Amino acid sequence: MNLKSYLVAALAAVALHANAFVGNYTEGSFTYNSGKQFTVADVFNFQLSAPSTLQTTLEITKSSGILGLGLFDADDNRYLGGLLFGGSTGTTATQSFANLSSGNYYYGVLGGFFPKGSYSLQSAATAVPEPAALLLALMGAGGLAVAARRQRKSAQADR
């Protein structure tokens, strides 16, 4: 196996170690599509089983309206960030929430449509590699580089 193959295998092992949403959500993401409504006051609870970054997209899928989304720590109801936007069908807003620790969280979505409308919420979590796992992967790649260099020097000396 060459150095590139070892490096790809090491990075794949680090990526497979990552966990994301737990509970009602599968494969680290979820999508919610609301029905026809005038006012919106929805809450989405979830749990992160590992340090993660969330990528969240809110879209107005029917009518015109104003929507706000907030991310909260469920243990102490602390506001962690959010977005506010308005527009008509097809308008989207995206927000990234980085370096969240494992624990319980919830999204709160508030707003309204003129007249009745609907929205879509998409959220996906990507695990943040722990420093120890990243250091181990870098050390392994360095060891492979040293071994490949020695092999090359040995092959040149045999000529």
C-alpha atoms as a PDB file:
ATOM      1  CA  MET A   1       0.000   0.000   0.000  1.00  0.00           C
ATOM      2  CA  ASN A   2       1.307   3.451  -0.823  1.00  0.00           C
ATOM      3  CA  LEU A   3       1.330   6.500   1.470  1.00  0.00           C
ATOM      4  CA  LYS A   4      -1.818   7.961  -0.127  1.00  0.00           C
ATOM      5  CA  SER A   5      -3.799   4.776   0.649  1.00  0.00           C
ATOM      6  CA  TYR A   6      -2.684   4.839   4.301  1.00  0.00           C
ATOM      7  CA  LEU A   7      -3.644   8.498   4.627  1.00  0.00           C
ATOM      8  CA  VAL A   8      -7.113   7.902   3.140  1.00  0.00           C
ATOM      9  CA  ALA A   9      -7.647   4.946   5.508  1.00  0.00           C
ATOM     10  CA  ALA A  10      -6.599   7.024   8.547  1.00  0.00           C
ATOM     11  CA  LEU A  11      -8.923   9.910   7.623  1.00  0.00           C
ATOM     12  CA  ALA A  12     -11.822   7.492   7.029  1.00  0.00           C
ATOM     13  CA  ALA A  13     -11.289   5.980  10.495  1.00  0.00           C
ATOM     14  CA  VAL A  14     -11.458   9.451  12.113  1.00  0.00           C
ATOM     15  CA  ALA A  15     -14.618  10.330  10.119  1.00  0.00           C
ATOM     16  CA  LEU A  16     -16.378   7.088  11.082  1.00  0.00           C
ATOM     17  CA  HIS A  17     -15.717   7.808  14.768  1.00  0.00           C
ATOM     18  CA  ALA A  18     -18.098  10.811  14.584  1.00  0.00           C
ATOM     19  CA  ASN A  19     -21.654  10.747  15.998  1.00  0.00           C
ATOM     20  CA  ALA A  20     -24.382  13.328  15.555  1.00  0.00           C
ATOM     21  CA  PHE A  21     -28.129  13.502  16.336  1.00  0.00           C
ATOM     22  CA  VAL A  22     -29.646  10.848  18.578  1.00  0.00           C
ATOM     23  CA  GLY A  23     -33.267   9.981  19.336  1.00  0.00           C
ATOM     24  CA  ASN A  24     -35.906  10.627  16.690  1.00  0.00           C
ATOM     25  CA  TYR A  25     -33.384  11.799  14.114  1.00  0.00           C
ATOM     26  CA  THR A  26     -31.371   9.468  11.932  1.00  0.00           C
ATOM     27  CA  GLU A  27     -28.032   9.765  10.166  1.00  0.00           C
ATOM     28  CA  GLY A  28     -27.233  13.119  11.745  1.00  0.00           C
ATOM     29  CA  SER A  29     -29.916  15.180  10.049  1.00  0.00           C
ATOM     30  CA  PHE A  30     -33.616  15.900   9.846  1.00  0.00           C
ATOM     31  CA  THR A  31     -36.088  17.780   7.665  1.00  0.00           C
ATOM     32  CA  TYR A  32     -39.424  19.166   8.831  1.00  0.00           C
ATOM     33  CA  ASN A  33     -42.108  20.477   6.456  1.00  0.00           C
ATOM     34  CA  SER A  34     -44.916  22.430   8.083  1.00  0.00           C
ATOM     35  CA  GLY A  35     -48.524  22.439   6.918  1.00  0.00           C
ATOM     36  CA  LYS A  36     -50.618  25.486   5.967  1.00  0.00           C
ATOM     37  CA  GLN A  37     -50.698  27.890   8.879  1.00  0.00           C
ATOM     38  CA  PHE A  38     -50.862  31.591   9.660  1.00  0.00           C
ATOM     39  CA  THR A  39     -48.716  31.751  12.812  1.00  0.00           C
ATOM     40  CA  VAL A  40     -45.735  29.558  13.661  1.00  0.00           C
ATOM     41  CA  ALA A  41     -44.545  28.589  17.150  1.00  0.00           C
ATOM     42  CA  ASP A  42     -42.696  25.263  16.853  1.00  0.00           C
ATOM     43  CA  VAL A  43     -40.065  23.589  19.045  1.00  0.00           C
ATOM     44  CA  PHE A  44     -37.689  20.812  17.923  1.00  0.00           C
ATOM     45  CA  ASN A  45     -35.815  18.929  20.654  1.00  0.00           C
ATOM     46  CA  PHE A  46     -32.686  16.918  19.912  1.00  0.00           C
ATOM     47  CA  GLN A  47     -29.544  15.576  21.526  1.00  0.00           C
ATOM     48  CA  LEU A  48     -25.938  15.722  20.352  1.00  0.00           C
ATOM     49  CA  SER A  49     -23.950  12.694  21.479  1.00  0.00           C
ATOM     50  CA  ALA A  50     -20.585  14.234  20.508  1.00  0.00           C
ATOM     51  CA  PRO A  51     -19.140  17.714  19.960  1.00  0.00           C
ATOM     52  CA  SER A  52     -20.666  18.915  16.675  1.00  0.00           C
ATOM     53  CA  THR A  53     -21.297  21.716  14.216  1.00  0.00           C
ATOM     54  CA  LEU A  54     -24.883  22.239  13.027  1.00  0.00           C
ATOM     55  CA  GLN A  55     -25.768  23.481   9.541  1.00  0.00           C
ATOM     56  CA  THR A  56     -29.380  24.732   9.545  1.00  0.00           C
ATOM     57  CA  THR A  57     -31.513  25.947   6.625  1.00  0.00           C
ATOM     58  CA  LEU A  58     -34.970  27.493   6.939  1.00  0.00           C
ATOM     59  CA  GLU A  59     -37.048  27.973   3.769  1.00  0.00           C
ATOM     60  CA  ILE A  60     -40.437  29.551   3.099  1.00  0.00           C
ATOM     61  CA  THR A  61     -42.113  26.917   0.917  1.00  0.00           C
ATOM     62  CA  LYS A  62     -45.515  28.576   0.360  1.00  0.00           C
ATOM     63  CA  SER A  63     -46.786  32.167   0.600  1.00  0.00           C
ATOM     64  CA  SER A  64     -44.931  35.164   2.091  1.00  0.00           C
ATOM     65  CA  GLY A  65     -43.859  35.519   5.670  1.00  0.00           C
ATOM     66  CA  ILE A  66     -41.372  36.319   8.388  1.00  0.00           C
ATOM     67  CA  LEU A  67     -39.593  33.543  10.286  1.00  0.00           C
ATOM     68  CA  GLY A  68     -37.118  33.456  13.130  1.00  0.00           C
ATOM     69  CA  LEU A  69     -35.135  30.484  14.379  1.00  0.00           C
ATOM     70  CA  GLY A  70     -33.246  30.246  17.652  1.00  0.00           C
ATOM     71  CA  LEU A  71     -30.960  27.532  18.970  1.00  0.00           C
ATOM     72  CA  PHE A  72     -31.135  26.983  22.741  1.00  0.00           C
ATOM     73  CA  ASP A  73     -29.323  24.853  25.300  1.00  0.00           C
ATOM     74  CA  ALA A  74     -32.136  22.709  26.743  1.00  0.00           C
ATOM     75  CA  ASP A  75     -30.472  22.335  30.145  1.00  0.00           C
ATOM     76  CA  ASP A  76     -30.581  26.043  31.027  1.00  0.00           C
ATOM     77  CA  ASN A  77     -32.650  27.573  28.143  1.00  0.00           C
ATOM     78  CA  ARG A  78     -29.629  29.677  27.131  1.00  0.00           C
ATOM     79  CA  TYR A  79     -29.902  31.280  23.679  1.00  0.00           C
ATOM     80  CA  LEU A  80     -26.952  30.223  21.480  1.00  0.00           C
ATOM     81  CA  GLY A  81     -27.768  32.063  18.242  1.00  0.00           C
ATOM     82  CA  GLY A  82     -30.255  32.202  15.426  1.00  0.00           C
ATOM     83  CA  LEU A  83     -31.552  33.931  12.347  1.00  0.00           C
ATOM     84  CA  LEU A  84     -34.450  36.146  11.288  1.00  0.00           C
ATOM     85  CA  PHE A  85     -35.619  36.636   7.706  1.00  0.00           C
ATOM     86  CA  GLY A  86     -38.634  37.356   5.551  1.00  0.00           C
ATOM     87  CA  GLY A  87     -39.654  36.792   1.982  1.00  0.00           C
ATOM     88  CA  SER A  88     -41.856  34.817  -0.348  1.00  0.00           C
ATOM     89  CA  THR A  89     -41.921  31.219  -1.618  1.00  0.00           C
ATOM     90  CA  GLY A  90     -38.379  29.922  -2.119  1.00  0.00           C
ATOM     91  CA  THR A  91     -36.631  32.389   0.208  1.00  0.00           C
ATOM     92  CA  THR A  92     -34.037  30.625   2.374  1.00  0.00           C
ATOM     93  CA  ALA A  93     -31.706  31.482   5.234  1.00  0.00           C
ATOM     94  CA  THR A  94     -28.818  29.341   6.458  1.00  0.00           C
ATOM     95  CA  GLN A  95     -26.969  29.452   9.764  1.00  0.00           C
ATOM     96  CA  SER A  96     -24.040  27.430  11.061  1.00  0.00           C
ATOM     97  CA  PHE A  97     -23.628  26.766  14.792  1.00  0.00           C
ATOM     98  CA  ALA A  98     -20.036  25.681  15.453  1.00  0.00           C
ATOM     99  CA  ASN A  99     -18.323  23.858  18.318  1.00  0.00           C
ATOM    100  CA  LEU A 100     -21.385  22.707  20.243  1.00  0.00           C
ATOM    101  CA  SER A 101     -20.653  20.268  23.044  1.00  0.00           C
ATOM    102  CA  SER A 102     -22.592  17.049  23.507  1.00  0.00           C
ATOM    103  CA  GLY A 103     -25.911  17.547  25.287  1.00  0.00           C
ATOM    104  CA  ASN A 104     -29.567  18.506  24.874  1.00  0.00           C
ATOM    105  CA  TYR A 105     -30.664  21.329  22.584  1.00  0.00           C
ATOM    106  CA  TYR A 106     -33.762  22.668  20.885  1.00  0.00           C
ATOM    107  CA  TYR A 107     -34.724  24.904  17.994  1.00  0.00           C
ATOM    108  CA  GLY A 108     -37.520  27.410  18.462  1.00  0.00           C
ATOM    109  CA  VAL A 109     -39.196  28.638  15.254  1.00  0.00           C
ATOM    110  CA  LEU A 110     -41.503  31.681  15.441  1.00  0.00           C
ATOM    111  CA  GLY A 111     -43.169  33.732  12.747  1.00  0.00           C
ATOM    112  CA  GLY A 112     -46.149  34.125  10.512  1.00  0.00           C
ATOM    113  CA  PHE A 113     -47.384  34.014   6.920  1.00  0.00           C
ATOM    114  CA  PHE A 114     -49.588  36.355   4.851  1.00  0.00           C
ATOM    115  CA  PRO A 115     -51.947  34.509   4.145  1.00  0.00           C
ATOM    116  CA  LYS A 116     -51.480  30.915   5.326  1.00  0.00           C
ATOM    117  CA  GLY A 117     -48.177  29.392   4.289  1.00  0.00           C
ATOM    118  CA  SER A 118     -45.568  26.788   5.145  1.00  0.00           C
ATOM    119  CA  TYR A 119     -41.863  26.373   5.789  1.00  0.00           C
ATOM    120  CA  SER A 120     -39.171  23.719   5.715  1.00  0.00           C
ATOM    121  CA  LEU A 121     -36.453  23.280   8.343  1.00  0.00           C
ATOM    122  CA  GLN A 122     -33.364  21.218   7.511  1.00  0.00           C
ATOM    123  CA  SER A 123     -30.624  20.568  10.029  1.00  0.00           C
ATOM    124  CA  ALA A 124     -27.525  18.392   9.835  1.00  0.00           C
ATOM    125  CA  ALA A 125     -24.772  17.822  12.374  1.00  0.00           C
ATOM    126  CA  THR A 126     -21.142  17.156  11.607  1.00  0.00           C
ATOM    127  CA  ALA A 127     -19.037  15.856  14.471  1.00  0.00           C
ATOM    128  CA  VAL A 128     -16.036  17.946  15.430  1.00  0.00           C
ATOM    129  CA  PRO A 129     -13.016  15.659  15.789  1.00  0.00           C
ATOM    130  CA  GLU A 130     -11.589  15.588  19.283  1.00  0.00           C
ATOM    131  CA  PRO A 131      -8.050  16.994  19.518  1.00  0.00           C
ATOM    132  CA  ALA A 132      -6.658  13.639  20.676  1.00  0.00           C
ATOM    133  CA  ALA A 133      -8.132  11.808  17.656  1.00  0.00           C
ATOM    134  CA  LEU A 134      -6.777  14.459  15.282  1.00  0.00           C
ATOM    135  CA  LEU A 135      -3.334  14.319  16.906  1.00  0.00           C
ATOM    136  CA  LEU A 136      -3.315  10.522  16.637  1.00  0.00           C
ATOM    137  CA  ALA A 137      -4.225  10.693  12.936  1.00  0.00           C
ATOM    138  CA  LEU A 138      -1.474  13.256  12.283  1.00  0.00           C
ATOM    139  CA  MET A 139       1.090  11.156  14.156  1.00  0.00           C
ATOM    140  CA  GLY A 140       0.093   8.098  12.105  1.00  0.00           C
ATOM    141  CA  ALA A 141       0.429  10.035   8.844  1.00  0.00           C
ATOM    142  CA  GLY A 142       3.844  11.328   9.975  1.00  0.00           C
ATOM    143  CA  GLY A 143       4.989   7.802  10.783  1.00  0.00           C
ATOM    144  CA  LEU A 144       3.904   6.627   7.355  1.00  0.00           C
ATOM    145  CA  ALA A 145       5.805   9.500   5.731  1.00  0.00           C
ATOM    146  CA  VAL A 146       8.995   8.575   7.632  1.00  0.00           C
ATOM    147  CA  ALA A 147       8.633   4.911   6.634  1.00  0.00           C
ATOM    148  CA  ALA A 148       8.099   5.835   2.974  1.00  0.00           C
ATOM    149  CA  ARG A 149      11.148   8.116   3.020  1.00  0.00           C
ATOM    150  CA  ARG A 150      13.348   5.371   4.520  1.00  0.00           C
ATOM    151  CA  GLN A 151      12.093   2.916   1.905  1.00  0.00           C
ATOM    152  CA  ARG A 152      12.941   5.385  -0.882  1.00  0.00           C
ATOM    153  CA  LYS A 153      16.442   5.994   0.530  1.00  0.00           C
ATOM    154  CA  SER A 154      16.991   2.240   0.840  1.00  0.00           C
ATOM    155  CA  ALA A 155      15.914   1.685  -2.767  1.00  0.00           C
ATOM    156  CA  GLN A 156      18.275   4.452  -3.965  1.00  0.00           C
ATOM    157  CA  ALA A 157      21.211   2.992  -1.984  1.00  0.00           C
ATOM    158  CA  ASP A 158      20.665  -0.447  -3.585  1.00  0.00           C
ATOM    159  CA  ARG A 159      21.182   0.978  -7.099  1.00  0.00           C
END
